[in-house]
PDB file of N, CA and C in Angstrom:
ATOM      1  N   MET A   1      39.706   3.542  57.966  1.00  0.00           N
ATOM      2  CA  MET A   1      40.147   3.434  59.057  1.00  0.00           C
ATOM      3  C   MET A   1      39.055   3.061  60.523  1.00  0.00           C
ATOM      4  N   THR A   2      38.874   2.642  61.303  1.00  0.00           N
ATOM      5  CA  THR A   2      37.809   2.694  62.364  1.00  0.00           C
ATOM      6  C   THR A   2      37.743   3.907  63.191  1.00  0.00           C
ATOM      7  N   PRO A   3      36.891   3.971  63.769  1.00  0.00           N
ATOM      8  CA  PRO A   3      36.536   5.368  64.484  1.00  0.00           C
ATOM      9  C   PRO A   3      37.702   5.234  65.698  1.00  0.00           C
ATOM     10  N   THR A   4      38.009   4.114  66.221  1.00  0.00           N
ATOM     11  CA  THR A   4      39.210   4.332  67.321  1.00  0.00           C
ATOM     12  C   THR A   4      40.389   4.733  66.958  1.00  0.00           C
ATOM     13  N   GLU A   5      41.132   4.244  65.803  1.00  0.00           N
ATOM     14  CA  GLU A   5      42.137   4.447  65.169  1.00  0.00           C
ATOM     15  C   GLU A   5      41.735   6.374  64.365  1.00  0.00           C
ATOM     16  N   SER A   6      40.757   6.371  63.763  1.00  0.00           N
ATOM     17  CA  SER A   6      40.439   7.718  63.671  1.00  0.00           C
ATOM     18  C   SER A   6      40.634   8.353  65.080  1.00  0.00           C
ATOM     19  N   ALA A   7      39.906   8.443  65.948  1.00  0.00           N
ATOM     20  CA  ALA A   7      40.056   9.400  66.910  1.00  0.00           C
ATOM     21  C   ALA A   7      41.408   8.963  67.756  1.00  0.00           C
ATOM     22  N   ALA A   8      42.297   7.963  67.721  1.00  0.00           N
ATOM     23  CA  ALA A   8      43.888   7.801  68.467  1.00  0.00           C
ATOM     24  C   ALA A   8      44.529   8.762  67.549  1.00  0.00           C
ATOM     25  N   SER A   9      44.312   8.689  65.865  1.00  0.00           N
ATOM     26  CA  SER A   9      45.473   9.654  64.988  1.00  0.00           C
ATOM     27  C   SER A   9      45.037  11.099  65.272  1.00  0.00           C
ATOM     28  N   ALA A  10      43.637  11.722  65.858  1.00  0.00           N
ATOM     29  CA  ALA A  10      42.977  12.714  65.984  1.00  0.00           C
ATOM     30  C   ALA A  10      44.018  13.316  67.025  1.00  0.00           C
ATOM     31  N   LEU A  11      43.855  12.299  68.285  1.00  0.00           N
ATOM     32  CA  LEU A  11      44.206  12.554  69.567  1.00  0.00           C
ATOM     33  C   LEU A  11      45.948  13.186  69.103  1.00  0.00           C
ATOM     34  N   GLN A  12      46.310  12.296  68.479  1.00  0.00           N
ATOM     35  CA  GLN A  12      47.928  12.549  68.243  1.00  0.00           C
ATOM     36  C   GLN A  12      48.450  13.937  67.650  1.00  0.00           C
ATOM     37  N   ASP A  13      47.619  13.716  66.755  1.00  0.00           N
ATOM     38  CA  ASP A  13      47.480  15.197  66.061  1.00  0.00           C
ATOM     39  C   ASP A  13      47.299  16.663  66.561  1.00  0.00           C
ATOM     40  N   HIS A  14      46.377  16.382  67.744  1.00  0.00           N
ATOM     41  CA  HIS A  14      46.317  17.775  68.259  1.00  0.00           C
ATOM     42  C   HIS A  14      47.433  17.657  69.451  1.00  0.00           C
ATOM     43  N   ALA A  15      47.811  16.456  69.990  1.00  0.00           N
ATOM     44  CA  ALA A  15      48.932  16.806  70.945  1.00  0.00           C
ATOM     45  C   ALA A  15      50.291  17.560  70.275  1.00  0.00           C
ATOM     46  N   SER A  16      50.394  16.807  68.766  1.00  0.00           N
ATOM     47  CA  SER A  16      51.600  17.374  68.236  1.00  0.00           C
ATOM     48  C   SER A  16      51.679  18.865  68.036  1.00  0.00           C
ATOM     49  N   LEU A  17      50.322  19.240  67.399  1.00  0.00           N
ATOM     50  CA  LEU A  17      49.981  20.731  67.330  1.00  0.00           C
ATOM     51  C   LEU A  17      50.078  21.685  68.461  1.00  0.00           C
ATOM     52  N   TRP A  18      49.721  21.213  69.550  1.00  0.00           N
ATOM     53  CA  TRP A  18      49.637  21.835  70.915  1.00  0.00           C
ATOM     54  C   TRP A  18      51.389  21.590  71.176  1.00  0.00           C
ATOM     55  N   ARG A  19      52.295  20.532  71.015  1.00  0.00           N
ATOM     56  CA  ARG A  19      53.517  20.677  71.596  1.00  0.00           C
ATOM     57  C   ARG A  19      54.574  21.697  70.773  1.00  0.00           C
ATOM     58  N   VAL A  20      53.456  21.999  69.339  1.00  0.00           N
ATOM     59  CA  VAL A  20      54.686  22.822  68.539  1.00  0.00           C
ATOM     60  C   VAL A  20      54.149  24.372  68.507  1.00  0.00           C
ATOM     61  N   GLY A  21      52.607  24.383  69.692  1.00  0.00           N
ATOM     62  CA  GLY A  21      52.397  26.088  70.040  1.00  0.00           C
ATOM     63  C   GLY A  21      51.357  26.175  68.302  1.00  0.00           C
ATOM     64  N   GLU A  22      50.963  25.403  67.860  1.00  0.00           N
ATOM     65  CA  GLU A  22      49.614  25.690  66.850  1.00  0.00           C
ATOM     66  C   GLU A  22      48.497  25.043  67.266  1.00  0.00           C
ATOM     67  N   GLY A  23      48.239  24.743  68.395  1.00  0.00           N
ATOM     68  CA  GLY A  23      47.011  24.165  68.881  1.00  0.00           C
ATOM     69  C   GLY A  23      47.152  24.426  70.530  1.00  0.00           C
ATOM     70  N   CYS A  24      45.721  24.390  70.987  1.00  0.00           N
ATOM     71  CA  CYS A  24      45.430  24.899  72.277  1.00  0.00           C
ATOM     72  C   CYS A  24      45.228  23.677  73.423  1.00  0.00           C
ATOM     73  N   ALA A  25      45.327  23.676  74.436  1.00  0.00           N
ATOM     74  CA  ALA A  25      45.376  22.903  75.394  1.00  0.00           C
ATOM     75  C   ALA A  25      44.080  22.310  75.363  1.00  0.00           C
ATOM     76  N   THR A  26      42.882  23.025  75.608  1.00  0.00           N
ATOM     77  CA  THR A  26      41.442  22.536  75.446  1.00  0.00           C
ATOM     78  C   THR A  26      41.238  21.463  74.327  1.00  0.00           C
ATOM     79  N   ASP A  27      41.703  21.579  72.934  1.00  0.00           N
ATOM     80  CA  ASP A  27      41.529  21.083  72.101  1.00  0.00           C
ATOM     81  C   ASP A  27      42.212  19.151  71.866  1.00  0.00           C
ATOM     82  N   VAL A  28      43.183  19.403  72.937  1.00  0.00           N
ATOM     83  CA  VAL A  28      43.961  18.462  73.488  1.00  0.00           C
ATOM     84  C   VAL A  28      42.701  17.346  74.173  1.00  0.00           C
ATOM     85  N   VAL A  29      42.169  18.211  74.965  1.00  0.00           N
ATOM     86  CA  VAL A  29      41.225  17.761  76.105  1.00  0.00           C
ATOM     87  C   VAL A  29      39.752  17.354  75.329  1.00  0.00           C
ATOM     88  N   SER A  30      39.578  18.314  74.405  1.00  0.00           N
ATOM     89  CA  SER A  30      38.358  18.016  73.547  1.00  0.00           C
ATOM     90  C   SER A  30      38.663  16.337  72.850  1.00  0.00           C
ATOM     91  N   ALA A  31      39.653  16.068  72.092  1.00  0.00           N
ATOM     92  CA  ALA A  31      40.374  15.217  71.315  1.00  0.00           C
ATOM     93  C   ALA A  31      40.161  13.849  72.224  1.00  0.00           C
ATOM     94  N   ALA A  32      40.778  14.064  73.754  1.00  0.00           N
ATOM     95  CA  ALA A  32      40.889  13.227  74.487  1.00  0.00           C
ATOM     96  C   ALA A  32      39.249  12.278  74.738  1.00  0.00           C
ATOM     97  N   CYS A  33      38.094  13.731  74.855  1.00  0.00           N
ATOM     98  CA  CYS A  33      36.719  12.885  75.228  1.00  0.00           C
ATOM     99  C   CYS A  33      36.376  12.161  73.646  1.00  0.00           C
ATOM    100  N   ASP A  34      36.557  12.821  72.417  1.00  0.00           N
ATOM    101  CA  ASP A  34      36.247  12.175  71.777  1.00  0.00           C
ATOM    102  C   ASP A  34      36.813  10.636  71.049  1.00  0.00           C
ATOM    103  N   ALA A  35      38.381  10.662  72.083  1.00  0.00           N
ATOM    104  CA  ALA A  35      38.744   9.360  71.848  1.00  0.00           C
ATOM    105  C   ALA A  35      38.182   8.249  72.896  1.00  0.00           C
ATOM    106  N   LEU A  36      37.491   8.744  74.142  1.00  0.00           N
ATOM    107  CA  LEU A  36      36.556   7.997  75.091  1.00  0.00           C
ATOM    108  C   LEU A  36      35.501   8.012  74.447  1.00  0.00           C
ATOM    109  N   VAL A  37      34.692   8.262  73.535  1.00  0.00           N
ATOM    110  CA  VAL A  37      33.372   8.200  73.164  1.00  0.00           C
ATOM    111  C   VAL A  37      33.364   7.406  72.052  1.00  0.00           C
ATOM    112  N   ALA A  38      34.900   7.106  71.021  1.00  0.00           N
ATOM    113  CA  ALA A  38      35.129   6.438  70.303  1.00  0.00           C
ATOM    114  C   ALA A  38      35.882   4.843  70.585  1.00  0.00           C
ATOM    115  N   GLY A  39      35.830   4.323  71.925  1.00  0.00           N
ATOM    116  CA  GLY A  39      35.983   3.588  72.474  1.00  0.00           C
ATOM    117  C   GLY A  39      37.555   3.492  73.116  1.00  0.00           C
ATOM    118  N   LEU A  40      38.639   4.223  72.707  1.00  0.00           N
ATOM    119  CA  LEU A  40      39.810   4.080  73.388  1.00  0.00           C
ATOM    120  C   LEU A  40      39.571   4.221  75.149  1.00  0.00           C
ATOM    121  N   ASP A  41      40.486   3.712  75.734  1.00  0.00           N
ATOM    122  CA  ASP A  41      39.968   3.814  77.308  1.00  0.00           C
ATOM    123  C   ASP A  41      41.324   3.314  77.814  1.00  0.00           C
ATOM    124  N   SER A  42      41.962   4.177  79.235  1.00  0.00           N
ATOM    125  CA  SER A  42      42.941   3.976  79.878  1.00  0.00           C
ATOM    126  C   SER A  42      42.456   4.915  80.955  1.00  0.00           C
ATOM    127  N   PRO A  43      43.260   4.810  82.162  1.00  0.00           N
ATOM    128  CA  PRO A  43      42.826   5.589  83.306  1.00  0.00           C
ATOM    129  C   PRO A  43      43.349   6.861  83.080  1.00  0.00           C
ATOM    130  N   ALA A  44      44.780   7.411  82.597  1.00  0.00           N
ATOM    131  CA  ALA A  44      45.659   8.628  82.346  1.00  0.00           C
ATOM    132  C   ALA A  44      44.610   9.354  80.990  1.00  0.00           C
ATOM    133  N   LEU A  45      44.160   8.795  80.124  1.00  0.00           N
ATOM    134  CA  LEU A  45      43.024   9.479  79.005  1.00  0.00           C
ATOM    135  C   LEU A  45      41.491   9.795  79.917  1.00  0.00           C
ATOM    136  N   ARG A  46      41.184   8.941  80.753  1.00  0.00           N
ATOM    137  CA  ARG A  46      40.158   9.363  81.529  1.00  0.00           C
ATOM    138  C   ARG A  46      40.263  10.824  82.279  1.00  0.00           C
ATOM    139  N   ILE A  47      41.446  10.742  82.959  1.00  0.00           N
ATOM    140  CA  ILE A  47      41.918  12.089  83.506  1.00  0.00           C
ATOM    141  C   ILE A  47      42.195  13.541  82.873  1.00  0.00           C
ATOM    142  N   LEU A  48      42.500  13.137  81.768  1.00  0.00           N
ATOM    143  CA  LEU A  48      43.230  14.004  80.649  1.00  0.00           C
ATOM    144  C   LEU A  48      41.804  14.719  80.471  1.00  0.00           C
ATOM    145  N   ALA A  49      40.370  13.829  79.848  1.00  0.00           N
ATOM    146  CA  ALA A  49      39.404  14.211  79.333  1.00  0.00           C
ATOM    147  C   ALA A  49      38.973  14.746  80.507  1.00  0.00           C
ATOM    148  N   ALA A  50      39.047  14.255  81.612  1.00  0.00           N
ATOM    149  CA  ALA A  50      37.990  15.241  82.602  1.00  0.00           C
ATOM    150  C   ALA A  50      38.526  16.766  82.941  1.00  0.00           C
ATOM    151  N   CYS A  51      39.692  17.150  82.253  1.00  0.00           N
ATOM    152  CA  CYS A  51      40.040  18.612  82.517  1.00  0.00           C
ATOM    153  C   CYS A  51      39.079  19.602  82.133  1.00  0.00           C
ATOM    154  N   THR A  52      38.882  20.512  83.242  1.00  0.00           N
ATOM    155  CA  THR A  52      37.934  21.368  82.466  1.00  0.00           C
ATOM    156  C   THR A  52      38.962  22.616  81.932  1.00  0.00           C
ATOM    157  N   ARG A  53      38.213  23.361  81.119  1.00  0.00           N
ATOM    158  CA  ARG A  53      38.817  24.715  80.003  1.00  0.00           C
ATOM    159  C   ARG A  53      39.937  25.324  81.035  1.00  0.00           C
ATOM    160  N   ALA A  54      39.585  25.753  82.363  1.00  0.00           N
ATOM    161  CA  ALA A  54      40.333  26.259  83.293  1.00  0.00           C
ATOM    162  C   ALA A  54      41.752  25.586  83.519  1.00  0.00           C
ATOM    163  N   GLU A  55      41.587  24.103  83.527  1.00  0.00           N
ATOM    164  CA  GLU A  55      42.569  23.530  84.165  1.00  0.00           C
ATOM    165  C   GLU A  55      43.633  23.070  82.992  1.00  0.00           C
ATOM    166  N   ALA A  56      42.918  23.137  81.833  1.00  0.00           N
ATOM    167  CA  ALA A  56      43.768  22.394  80.525  1.00  0.00           C
ATOM    168  C   ALA A  56      44.980  23.322  80.292  1.00  0.00           C
ATOM    169  N   ASP A  57      45.154  24.418  80.464  1.00  0.00           N
ATOM    170  CA  ASP A  57      46.766  25.250  80.355  1.00  0.00           C
ATOM    171  C   ASP A  57      47.786  24.582  80.901  1.00  0.00           C
ATOM    172  N   TYR A  58      47.205  24.405  82.450  1.00  0.00           N
ATOM    173  CA  TYR A  58      48.107  24.122  83.546  1.00  0.00           C
ATOM    174  C   TYR A  58      48.502  22.459  83.586  1.00  0.00           C
ATOM    175  N   ASP A  59      47.193  21.650  83.215  1.00  0.00           N
ATOM    176  CA  ASP A  59      47.530  20.429  83.514  1.00  0.00           C
ATOM    177  C   ASP A  59      47.774  19.077  82.009  1.00  0.00           C
ATOM    178  N   VAL A  60      47.567  19.779  81.028  1.00  0.00           N
ATOM    179  CA  VAL A  60      47.664  18.935  79.717  1.00  0.00           C
ATOM    180  C   VAL A  60      49.352  18.727  79.655  1.00  0.00           C
ATOM    181  N   HIS A  61      50.413  19.316  80.323  1.00  0.00           N
ATOM    182  CA  HIS A  61      51.879  19.065  80.211  1.00  0.00           C
ATOM    183  C   HIS A  61      52.174  17.828  80.779  1.00  0.00           C
ATOM    184  N   ASP A  62      51.481  17.643  81.867  1.00  0.00           N
ATOM    185  CA  ASP A  62      51.687  16.889  82.605  1.00  0.00           C
ATOM    186  C   ASP A  62      50.954  15.518  82.388  1.00  0.00           C
ATOM    187  N   LEU A  63      49.674  15.699  81.927  1.00  0.00           N
ATOM    188  CA  LEU A  63      48.840  14.761  82.087  1.00  0.00           C
ATOM    189  C   LEU A  63      48.455  13.656  80.429  1.00  0.00           C
ATOM    190  N   LEU A  64      49.310  14.809  79.554  1.00  0.00           N
ATOM    191  CA  LEU A  64      48.946  14.218  78.029  1.00  0.00           C
ATOM    192  C   LEU A  64      50.225  12.947  77.898  1.00  0.00           C
ATOM    193  N   PRO A  65      51.607  12.831  78.358  1.00  0.00           N
ATOM    194  CA  PRO A  65      52.826  12.216  78.071  1.00  0.00           C
ATOM    195  C   PRO A  65      51.800  10.639  78.645  1.00  0.00           C
ATOM    196  N   PRO A  66      51.508  10.477  79.811  1.00  0.00           N
ATOM    197  CA  PRO A  66      51.134   8.958  80.416  1.00  0.00           C
ATOM    198  C   PRO A  66      49.595   8.869  79.516  1.00  0.00           C
ATOM    199  N   ALA A  67      49.019   9.234  79.195  1.00  0.00           N
ATOM    200  CA  ALA A  67      47.743   8.904  78.609  1.00  0.00           C
ATOM    201  C   ALA A  67      48.175   8.458  76.668  1.00  0.00           C
ATOM    202  N   LEU A  68      48.897   9.285  76.602  1.00  0.00           N
ATOM    203  CA  LEU A  68      49.317   8.636  75.105  1.00  0.00           C
ATOM    204  C   LEU A  68      50.232   7.356  74.954  1.00  0.00           C
ATOM    205  N   ASP A  69      51.035   7.529  76.410  1.00  0.00           N
ATOM    206  CA  ASP A  69      51.701   6.301  76.674  1.00  0.00           C
ATOM    207  C   ASP A  69      51.041   4.911  76.764  1.00  0.00           C
ATOM    208  N   GLU A  70      49.989   5.172  77.681  1.00  0.00           N
ATOM    209  CA  GLU A  70      48.997   4.024  78.010  1.00  0.00           C
ATOM    210  C   GLU A  70      48.149   3.661  76.770  1.00  0.00           C
ATOM    211  N   LEU A  71      48.344   4.470  75.826  1.00  0.00           N
ATOM    212  CA  LEU A  71      47.253   4.253  74.642  1.00  0.00           C
ATOM    213  C   LEU A  71      48.901   3.509  73.151  1.00  0.00           C
ATOM    214  N   GLY A  72      49.665   3.732  73.805  1.00  0.00           N
ATOM    215  CA  GLY A  72      50.795   3.155  72.643  1.00  0.00           C
ATOM    216  C   GLY A  72      51.375   4.314  71.757  1.00  0.00           C
ATOM    217  N   LEU A  73      50.775   5.506  72.093  1.00  0.00           N
ATOM    218  CA  LEU A  73      51.115   6.791  70.978  1.00  0.00           C
ATOM    219  C   LEU A  73      52.228   7.402  71.875  1.00  0.00           C
ATOM    220  N   THR A  74      52.837   7.965  70.720  1.00  0.00           N
ATOM    221  CA  THR A  74      53.881   8.897  70.993  1.00  0.00           C
ATOM    222  C   THR A  74      53.535  10.276  71.046  1.00  0.00           C
ATOM    223  N   LEU A  75      54.163  11.345  72.135  1.00  0.00           N
ATOM    224  CA  LEU A  75      54.694  12.459  71.839  1.00  0.00           C
ATOM    225  C   LEU A  75      55.303  12.831  71.108  1.00  0.00           C
ATOM    226  N   LEU A  76      55.269  13.751  69.940  1.00  0.00           N
ATOM    227  CA  LEU A  76      56.040  14.349  69.146  1.00  0.00           C
ATOM    228  C   LEU A  76      56.990  15.338  69.402  1.00  0.00           C
ATOM    229  N   PRO A  77      58.090  15.118  69.525  1.00  0.00           N
ATOM    230  CA  PRO A  77      59.197  16.030  69.950  1.00  0.00           C
ATOM    231  C   PRO A  77      58.927  17.679  69.332  1.00  0.00           C
ATOM    232  N   ALA A  78      58.855  18.307  69.727  1.00  0.00           N
ATOM    233  CA  ALA A  78      58.399  19.939  68.755  1.00  0.00           C
ATOM    234  C   ALA A  78      59.972  19.849  68.248  1.00  0.00           C
ATOM    235  N   GLY A  79      59.787  20.502  66.893  1.00  0.00           N
ATOM    236  CA  GLY A  79      60.413  20.840  66.290  1.00  0.00           C
ATOM    237  C   GLY A  79      60.985  19.477  65.218  1.00  0.00           C
ATOM    238  N   SER A  80      59.806  18.077  65.728  1.00  0.00           N
ATOM    239  CA  SER A  80      60.379  17.132  64.678  1.00  0.00           C
ATOM    240  C   SER A  80      59.399  16.955  63.512  1.00  0.00           C
ATOM    241  N   GLU A  81      60.195  16.448  62.414  1.00  0.00           N
ATOM    242  CA  GLU A  81      59.534  16.289  61.199  1.00  0.00           C
ATOM    243  C   GLU A  81      57.928  16.144  61.334  1.00  0.00           C
ATOM    244  N   ALA A  82      57.817  15.412  62.045  1.00  0.00           N
ATOM    245  CA  ALA A  82      56.219  14.362  62.086  1.00  0.00           C
ATOM    246  C   ALA A  82      55.445  15.382  63.115  1.00  0.00           C
ATOM    247  N   ALA A  83      56.027  16.190  63.644  1.00  0.00           N
ATOM    248  CA  ALA A  83      55.064  17.204  64.346  1.00  0.00           C
ATOM    249  C   ALA A  83      54.989  18.423  63.464  1.00  0.00           C
ATOM    250  N   GLU A  84      55.986  18.856  62.747  1.00  0.00           N
ATOM    251  CA  GLU A  84      55.716  19.500  61.915  1.00  0.00           C
ATOM    252  C   GLU A  84      55.071  19.527  60.565  1.00  0.00           C
ATOM    253  N   GLU A  85      54.759  18.021  60.258  1.00  0.00           N
ATOM    254  CA  GLU A  85      53.750  17.754  59.391  1.00  0.00           C
ATOM    255  C   GLU A  85      52.258  17.729  59.937  1.00  0.00           C
ATOM    256  N   ALA A  86      52.162  17.376  61.127  1.00  0.00           N
ATOM    257  CA  ALA A  86      50.835  17.977  61.828  1.00  0.00           C
ATOM    258  C   ALA A  86      50.392  19.205  61.622  1.00  0.00           C
ATOM    259  N   ARG A  87      51.333  19.768  61.877  1.00  0.00           N
ATOM    260  CA  ARG A  87      51.152  21.580  61.852  1.00  0.00           C
ATOM    261  C   ARG A  87      50.588  21.874  60.398  1.00  0.00           C
ATOM    262  N   GLN A  88      51.115  21.388  59.397  1.00  0.00           N
ATOM    263  CA  GLN A  88      51.167  21.720  57.963  1.00  0.00           C
ATOM    264  C   GLN A  88      49.774  21.219  57.370  1.00  0.00           C
ATOM    265  N   ARG A  89      49.464  19.962  58.036  1.00  0.00           N
ATOM    266  CA  ARG A  89      47.983  19.550  57.415  1.00  0.00           C
ATOM    267  C   ARG A  89      46.900  20.194  58.380  1.00  0.00           C
ATOM    268  N   GLU A  90      47.204  20.793  59.325  1.00  0.00           N
ATOM    269  CA  GLU A  90      45.942  21.431  60.359  1.00  0.00           C
ATOM    270  C   GLU A  90      46.350  22.922  59.414  1.00  0.00           C
ATOM    271  N   ALA A  91      47.021  23.565  59.312  1.00  0.00           N
ATOM    272  CA  ALA A  91      47.013  24.824  58.234  1.00  0.00           C
ATOM    273  C   ALA A  91      46.352  24.556  57.183  1.00  0.00           C
ATOM    274  N   LEU A  92      46.791  23.727  56.675  1.00  0.00           N
ATOM    275  CA  LEU A  92      46.157  23.076  55.050  1.00  0.00           C
ATOM    276  C   LEU A  92      44.767  23.260  55.177  1.00  0.00           C
ATOM    277  N   ALA A  93      44.128  22.519  56.266  1.00  0.00           N
ATOM    278  CA  ALA A  93      42.588  21.959  56.217  1.00  0.00           C
ATOM    279  C   ALA A  93      42.012  23.021  56.507  1.00  0.00           C
ATOM    280  N   ARG A  94      42.761  24.117  57.532  1.00  0.00           N
ATOM    281  CA  ARG A  94      41.686  25.257  57.906  1.00  0.00           C
ATOM    282  C   ARG A  94      41.507  26.097  56.388  1.00  0.00           C
ATOM    283  N   ARG A  95      43.064  26.286  55.870  1.00  0.00           N
ATOM    284  CA  ARG A  95      42.836  27.217  54.420  1.00  0.00           C
ATOM    285  C   ARG A  95      41.742  26.227  53.434  1.00  0.00           C
ATOM    286  N   MET A  96      41.791  25.247  53.659  1.00  0.00           N
ATOM    287  CA  MET A  96      40.934  24.333  52.679  1.00  0.00           C
ATOM    288  C   MET A  96      39.474  25.036  53.013  1.00  0.00           C
ATOM    289  N   LEU A  97      39.206  24.860  54.269  1.00  0.00           N
ATOM    290  CA  LEU A  97      37.753  25.446  55.125  1.00  0.00           C
ATOM    291  C   LEU A  97      37.219  26.608  54.591  1.00  0.00           C
ATOM    292  N   ALA A  98      38.102  27.627  54.688  1.00  0.00           N
ATOM    293  CA  ALA A  98      38.232  29.144  54.448  1.00  0.00           C
ATOM    294  C   ALA A  98      37.907  29.242  53.179  1.00  0.00           C
ATOM    295  N   GLY A  99      38.064  28.244  52.174  1.00  0.00           N
ATOM    296  CA  GLY A  99      38.112  28.384  50.625  1.00  0.00           C
ATOM    297  C   GLY A  99      39.283  29.471  50.229  1.00  0.00           C
ATOM    298  N   ARG A 100      40.364  29.380  50.955  1.00  0.00           N
ATOM    299  CA  ARG A 100      41.927  30.088  50.401  1.00  0.00           C
ATOM    300  C   ARG A 100      42.558  28.782  49.597  1.00  0.00           C
ATOM    301  N   ALA A 101      42.186  27.394  49.775  1.00  0.00           N
ATOM    302  CA  ALA A 101      43.136  26.656  48.811  1.00  0.00           C
ATOM    303  C   ALA A 101      42.529  25.313  48.174  1.00  0.00           C
ATOM    304  N   GLY A 102      42.628  24.935  47.073  1.00  0.00           N
ATOM    305  CA  GLY A 102      42.220  24.043  46.375  1.00  0.00           C
ATOM    306  C   GLY A 102      42.640  22.628  47.238  1.00  0.00           C
ATOM    307  N   ALA A 103      41.788  21.645  46.530  1.00  0.00           N
ATOM    308  CA  ALA A 103      41.845  20.457  46.995  1.00  0.00           C
ATOM    309  C   ALA A 103      43.809  19.801  46.574  1.00  0.00           C
ATOM    310  N   LEU A 104      44.414  20.521  45.624  1.00  0.00           N
ATOM    311  CA  LEU A 104      45.269  20.086  45.391  1.00  0.00           C
ATOM    312  C   LEU A 104      46.554  20.479  46.145  1.00  0.00           C
ATOM    313  N   GLY A 105      46.137  21.683  47.108  1.00  0.00           N
ATOM    314  CA  GLY A 105      47.355  22.135  47.459  1.00  0.00           C
ATOM    315  C   GLY A 105      47.261  23.970  47.955  1.00  0.00           C
ATOM    316  N   PRO A 106      47.721  24.304  48.702  1.00  0.00           N
ATOM    317  CA  PRO A 106      47.794  25.868  48.744  1.00  0.00           C
ATOM    318  C   PRO A 106      48.227  26.716  47.309  1.00  0.00           C
ATOM    319  N   HIS A 107      49.176  26.053  46.719  1.00  0.00           N
ATOM    320  CA  HIS A 107      49.831  26.910  45.784  1.00  0.00           C
ATOM    321  C   HIS A 107      49.114  26.397  44.108  1.00  0.00           C
ATOM    322  N   ALA A 108      48.315  25.676  44.150  1.00  0.00           N
ATOM    323  CA  ALA A 108      48.103  24.391  43.068  1.00  0.00           C
ATOM    324  C   ALA A 108      46.904  25.793  42.129  1.00  0.00           C
ATOM    325  N   PRO A 109      46.851  25.798  40.822  1.00  0.00           N
ATOM    326  CA  PRO A 109      46.167  26.582  40.827  1.00  0.00           C
ATOM    327  C   PRO A 109      44.451  26.068  40.488  1.00  0.00           C
ATOM    328  N   TYR A 110      43.456  26.787  40.867  1.00  0.00           N
ATOM    329  CA  TYR A 110      41.922  26.524  40.787  1.00  0.00           C
ATOM    330  C   TYR A 110      41.484  27.539  40.173  1.00  0.00           C
ATOM    331  N   PRO A 111      40.540  26.315  39.185  1.00  0.00           N
ATOM    332  CA  PRO A 111      40.451  25.133  39.108  1.00  0.00           C
ATOM    333  C   PRO A 111      41.759  24.538  38.470  1.00  0.00           C
ATOM    334  N   PRO A 112      42.353  23.365  38.569  1.00  0.00           N
ATOM    335  CA  PRO A 112      43.587  23.069  37.879  1.00  0.00           C
ATOM    336  C   PRO A 112      43.160  23.008  36.470  1.00  0.00           C
ATOM    337  N   PRO A 113      43.925  23.487  35.973  1.00  0.00           N
ATOM    338  CA  PRO A 113      44.455  23.500  34.373  1.00  0.00           C
ATOM    339  C   PRO A 113      43.727  22.246  33.672  1.00  0.00           C
ATOM    340  N   ALA A 114      43.470  22.248  32.425  1.00  0.00           N
ATOM    341  CA  ALA A 114      43.039  21.072  31.423  1.00  0.00           C
ATOM    342  C   ALA A 114      44.272  20.227  31.220  1.00  0.00           C
ATOM    343  N   MET A 115      43.935  18.867  31.270  1.00  0.00           N
ATOM    344  CA  MET A 115      44.919  18.029  30.817  1.00  0.00           C
ATOM    345  C   MET A 115      45.434  18.254  29.062  1.00  0.00           C
ATOM    346  N   ASP A 116      46.607  18.521  29.074  1.00  0.00           N
ATOM    347  CA  ASP A 116      46.981  18.560  27.544  1.00  0.00           C
ATOM    348  C   ASP A 116      47.155  17.107  27.141  1.00  0.00           C
ATOM    349  N   THR A 117      45.931  17.096  25.837  1.00  0.00           N
ATOM    350  CA  THR A 117      45.556  15.803  25.149  1.00  0.00           C
ATOM    351  C   THR A 117      46.520  15.680  23.758  1.00  0.00           C
ATOM    352  N   THR A 118      47.234  17.084  23.259  1.00  0.00           N
ATOM    353  CA  THR A 118      47.681  17.042  22.365  1.00  0.00           C
ATOM    354  C   THR A 118      48.623  16.052  21.555  1.00  0.00           C
ATOM    355  N   TRP A 119      48.992  15.401  22.387  1.00  0.00           N
ATOM    356  CA  TRP A 119      50.041  14.428  22.385  1.00  0.00           C
ATOM    357  C   TRP A 119      49.789  12.917  21.862  1.00  0.00           C
ATOM    358  N   LEU A 120      48.223  12.834  22.245  1.00  0.00           N
ATOM    359  CA  LEU A 120      47.346  11.324  22.416  1.00  0.00           C
ATOM    360  C   LEU A 120      47.557  11.391  20.892  1.00  0.00           C
TER     361      LEU A 120
END
C-alpha cells in the first residue's frame, strides 16, 4: 500500500469511528493533516486540516463530507457494517497495544496452543 493509499484509508477509518461516536473530531483533523503530508490534496481537505482543536468539534460535521467526496472516499453511515468493522479494528488495535489481546484476536489463547501433530 502506498503512503497516499494508507493515508486515505486512515482518514476514512477515523471518519467512520467519529461517525459512530468512537473517535473524536480532532483525530479526523489530524488524519486530514497526515493525508496532506502523504500527498493527497483537495480544497476541502485543506480546509478540514486547517481546523484548530477548538473548531474541530463544531466544524468537522460540515467539512468532512465534501473533503471525502473530493477524494473519492465515502463517509460510512452510522450503524453500517463497514463503520462497525472500523470501530472493531480500532478497539482490537487498542487492546493489542495495551497487551490485552494476542495477534489472533481478543479471545484467542496466548500463547497459541501447540499444533497437534499426532495424526502425521
